[in-house]
Every structure is written in C-alpha cells, then in structure tokens.
Protein backbone atom coordinates (compact mmCIF):
# COMPACT_ATOMS: atom_id res chain seq x y z
CA UNK A 1 -60.21 57.21 -12.39
CA UNK A 2 -60.94 59.06 -9.14
CA UNK A 3 -61.43 55.74 -7.31
CA UNK A 4 -58.11 54.37 -8.61
CA UNK A 5 -56.26 57.51 -7.48
CA UNK A 6 -57.81 57.30 -4.02
CA UNK A 7 -56.92 53.61 -3.73
CA UNK A 8 -53.29 54.23 -4.77
CA UNK A 9 -53.02 57.15 -2.31
CA UNK A 10 -54.39 55.00 0.51
CA UNK A 11 -51.84 52.19 -0.02
CA UNK A 12 -48.95 54.60 -0.67
CA UNK A 13 -49.18 55.99 2.86
CA UNK A 14 -47.30 54.11 5.54
CA UNK A 15 -46.80 54.86 9.17
CA UNK A 16 -43.38 54.58 10.83
CA UNK A 17 -43.40 53.06 14.28
CA UNK A 18 -40.90 53.50 17.09
CA UNK A 19 -37.40 51.97 16.73
CA UNK A 20 -36.98 48.49 18.12
CA UNK A 21 -34.44 47.48 20.81
CA UNK A 22 -30.75 47.30 19.88
CA UNK A 23 -29.50 43.84 18.92
CA UNK A 24 -26.40 42.06 20.21
CA UNK A 25 -23.05 42.75 18.60
CA UNK A 26 -22.18 40.10 16.05
CA UNK A 27 -18.97 38.08 16.01
CA UNK A 28 -16.18 39.67 13.99
CA UNK A 29 -15.89 38.02 10.59
CA UNK A 30 -12.87 37.08 8.56
CA UNK A 31 -13.17 39.63 5.78
CA UNK A 32 -9.40 39.55 5.36
CA UNK A 33 -9.49 35.98 4.04
CA UNK A 34 -10.16 34.97 0.44
CA UNK A 35 -10.61 31.41 -0.82
CA UNK A 36 -10.95 30.41 -4.46
CA UNK A 37 -11.12 27.15 -6.42
CA UNK A 38 -10.02 26.33 -9.94
CA UNK A 39 -9.68 23.25 -12.12
CA UNK A 40 -6.82 22.44 -14.46
CA UNK A 41 -6.78 20.27 -17.55
CA UNK A 42 -3.95 18.84 -19.60
CA UNK A 43 -3.77 21.82 -21.95
CA UNK A 44 -3.36 24.37 -19.14
CA UNK A 45 0.00 22.99 -17.93
CA UNK A 46 3.16 24.41 -19.50
CA UNK A 47 6.70 23.01 -19.82
CA UNK A 48 9.48 23.66 -18.98
CA UNK A 49 9.18 25.30 -15.63
CA UNK A 50 11.74 25.32 -12.87
CA UNK A 51 11.08 24.75 -9.20
CA UNK A 52 13.91 25.37 -6.72
CA UNK A 53 13.74 23.08 -3.70
CA UNK A 54 15.79 23.95 -0.63
CA UNK A 55 17.20 20.78 0.95
CA UNK A 56 18.87 22.73 3.79
CA UNK A 57 22.59 23.18 4.50
CA UNK A 58 22.81 25.59 1.54
CA UNK A 59 21.72 22.83 -0.87
CA UNK A 60 19.19 24.05 -3.40
CA UNK A 61 18.24 21.85 -6.32
CA UNK A 62 16.46 23.07 -9.42
CA UNK A 63 13.80 20.66 -10.76
CA UNK A 64 12.26 20.82 -14.21
CA UNK A 65 8.51 21.11 -13.83
CA UNK A 66 5.20 21.34 -15.55
CA UNK A 67 3.48 24.42 -14.18
CA UNK A 68 0.38 26.54 -14.25
CA UNK A 69 0.17 30.19 -13.26
CA UNK A 70 -3.16 31.75 -12.28
CA UNK A 71 -4.01 35.38 -11.70
CA UNK A 72 -4.57 36.00 -7.98
CA UNK A 73 -5.09 39.72 -7.34
CA UNK A 74 -5.78 38.88 -3.68
CA UNK A 75 -2.06 38.25 -3.24
CA UNK A 76 -0.98 41.79 -2.44
CA UNK A 77 2.28 43.19 -1.13
CA UNK A 78 0.77 43.17 2.38
CA UNK A 79 -0.05 39.46 2.05
CA UNK A 80 3.50 38.72 0.87
CA UNK A 81 5.06 40.77 3.67
CA UNK A 82 2.70 39.90 6.55
CA UNK A 83 0.09 37.31 5.56
CA UNK A 84 0.06 33.87 4.00
CA UNK A 85 -1.11 31.81 1.03
CA UNK A 86 -2.09 28.15 1.38
CA UNK A 87 -2.87 25.81 -1.51
CA UNK A 88 -4.78 22.51 -1.48
CA UNK A 89 -5.61 19.97 -4.17
CA UNK A 90 -7.62 16.81 -4.70
CA UNK A 91 -5.16 14.27 -6.15
CA UNK A 92 -6.30 11.73 -8.73
CA UNK A 93 -8.10 8.85 -6.99
CA UNK A 94 -8.56 10.79 -3.73
CA UNK A 95 -11.77 12.47 -2.63
CA UNK A 96 -10.57 15.01 -0.09
CA UNK A 97 -8.50 18.19 -0.10
CA UNK A 98 -4.80 17.75 0.68
CA UNK A 99 -2.34 20.57 1.44
CA UNK A 100 0.62 21.39 -0.81
CA UNK A 101 3.46 20.66 -0.99
CA UNK A 102 2.41 17.09 -1.68
CA UNK A 103 4.58 14.10 -2.68
CA UNK A 104 3.52 10.56 -3.46
CA UNK A 105 4.69 7.52 -5.38
CA UNK A 106 2.21 6.44 -8.01
CA UNK A 107 1.97 3.39 -10.22
CA UNK A 108 3.08 5.15 -13.39
CA UNK A 109 5.89 5.91 -13.84
CA UNK A 110 6.78 3.80 -10.80
CA UNK A 111 10.41 4.89 -10.52
CA UNK A 112 9.60 8.48 -9.56
CA UNK A 113 8.00 10.41 -6.75
CA UNK A 114 5.31 12.81 -7.98
CA UNK A 115 5.51 16.25 -6.38
CA UNK A 116 3.22 19.27 -6.32
CA UNK A 117 4.45 22.55 -4.87
CA UNK A 118 3.58 26.22 -5.22
CA UNK A 119 5.07 29.66 -5.16
CA UNK A 120 3.48 33.07 -5.35
CA UNK A 121 4.25 36.62 -6.29
CA UNK A 122 2.16 39.73 -6.08
CA UNK A 123 -0.94 39.01 -8.18
CA UNK A 124 -0.06 35.44 -9.25
CA UNK A 125 0.05 31.89 -7.94
CA UNK A 126 2.15 29.21 -9.66
CA UNK A 127 1.75 25.49 -9.07
CA UNK A 128 4.56 23.15 -10.09
CA UNK A 129 4.45 19.42 -10.82
CA UNK A 130 7.83 17.70 -10.88
CA UNK A 131 9.45 14.31 -10.42
CA UNK A 132 12.15 13.18 -8.00
CA UNK A 133 13.81 9.76 -7.83
CA UNK A 134 12.19 7.26 -5.47
CA UNK A 135 15.53 5.69 -4.57
CA UNK A 136 18.68 7.48 -3.46
CA UNK A 137 21.28 7.49 -6.21
CA UNK A 138 18.82 6.91 -9.04
CA UNK A 139 18.33 9.47 -11.78
CA UNK A 140 14.97 10.96 -12.57
CA UNK A 141 13.81 9.47 -15.88
CA UNK A 142 12.85 11.50 -18.91
CA UNK A 143 9.22 11.90 -19.90
CA UNK A 144 7.85 14.71 -17.76
CA UNK A 145 7.46 16.93 -20.82
CA UNK A 146 5.12 14.47 -22.55
CA UNK A 147 3.19 13.37 -19.43
CA UNK A 148 -0.52 14.14 -19.80
CA UNK A 149 -1.90 15.82 -16.73
CA UNK A 150 -5.39 14.77 -15.63
CA UNK A 151 -7.99 17.22 -14.37
CA UNK A 152 -7.06 18.54 -10.93
CA UNK A 153 -9.07 20.66 -8.54
CA UNK A 154 -7.12 23.25 -6.57
CA UNK A 155 -8.16 25.63 -3.82
CA UNK A 156 -6.13 28.47 -2.40
CA UNK A 157 -6.58 30.57 0.72
CA UNK A 158 -5.10 34.05 1.04
CA UNK A 159 -5.07 35.89 4.37
CA UNK A 160 -3.79 39.34 5.21
CA UNK A 161 -1.39 40.20 7.99
CA UNK A 162 -4.32 41.01 10.31
CA UNK A 163 -5.41 37.36 10.18
CA UNK A 164 -1.84 36.19 10.73
CA UNK A 165 -1.62 38.37 13.84
CA UNK A 166 -4.91 36.94 15.16
CA UNK A 167 -3.71 33.36 14.61
CA UNK A 168 -0.38 34.03 16.32
CA UNK A 169 -2.26 35.53 19.29
CA UNK A 170 -4.32 32.30 19.45
CA UNK A 171 -1.10 30.24 19.45
CA UNK A 172 -1.78 28.65 16.03
CA UNK A 173 1.18 26.92 14.38
CA UNK A 174 1.06 28.88 11.12
CA UNK A 175 3.38 26.41 9.37
CA UNK A 176 0.74 23.66 9.82
CA UNK A 177 -1.93 24.03 7.10
CA UNK A 178 -4.50 21.97 9.01
CA UNK A 179 -4.10 24.08 12.17
CA UNK A 180 -4.45 27.24 10.08
CA UNK A 181 -7.61 25.98 8.37
CA UNK A 182 -9.16 24.99 11.71
CA UNK A 183 -8.36 28.39 13.23
CA UNK A 184 -9.94 30.18 10.25
CA UNK A 185 -13.20 28.38 11.05
CA UNK A 186 -13.03 29.74 14.63
CA UNK A 187 -12.23 33.33 13.64
C-alpha cells in the first residue's frame, strides 16, 4: 500500500516550465456568418401560399405557391436591418448549388416556367415554388396544388451587418450571390 501511495505521489507531481514565445495573431474569422442545410420532401410543402413578385413600374403580381417555412433563429432584427440572407438549392438532375431566385423550364409540365424564390422574417425563412407561363399571353395551367415535390437540398447563409460592412469596404457587389460567397471565403 505504501509503495502504491509513493508511486501515485511521484507521478502526480509536475513541474511548470517557463512560458513559451508569443505566437502570431490569427486572421479574424467570420463568426457573424451562419450557414445551414436542410432537405425537403413532398410532405413538407404546403399549399396554398402566395408569393408577390415585383415586376417594376409599380406592377406586383401575386402567384399561388407551394411553400415551406423553416425556423431560422439566426435571422435577427439586426440581420433584417443591416445584414443579408442568401439561399441556394440543388435542383433535380443538377449536382451543384444554385442561388435563389431560380427559374427554369422543365419537361413536365412543359407549358410553365418553374420558379423558386424565398422571403424571410425574424426567426423564419420561407421558400416558395410557383409556376409562370412560358409564353407571353398564355395562362398558367392548373395543377400546382397536386404536383408532387421531389426531395430538394437547400442551404442558407445568414450574415450580420458587420459582415455586410466588411464586404462593402472590399467593394463586393452584395446583390450578386456568387460574389458574396467568394468574399465570405476570403474574410
């Protein structure tokens, strides 16, 4: 027992040496940026939603939409007032992230343009899927309500006003999602 106590006492003692030299300052990080991913399935989309699209010259058109709303506590009042929110998705048949809003003509139904857009409020992010006519003067057909939505992967980026100020100082075009994403890698 005495030998065990002596052995424990010997290894319990440690000697502190002198402090080492100071290291270099690290690069400032981007702690004011949050990025999250989520996947949707057919049952997570709701109908009817309404997405208002501003065509300019005081022309706003309300589109019926399928929509999904996700909780996003990162979207604070400061982000709404001074920062930004960007949303990306991987469309069906594509293997890379694409920024929203996104419009494309698909094979089915062929007489519509498929549109994805988003809006946000404090604490929530809503993504809308809606149809527009692919030819001027044509009406949008019925059927959006019963359209089955495939799995989609979405990613959103939320940045505070501090990050917006840094990007503006760097001369980043903050309305260009690709320029914003590239600048976030440099910050």
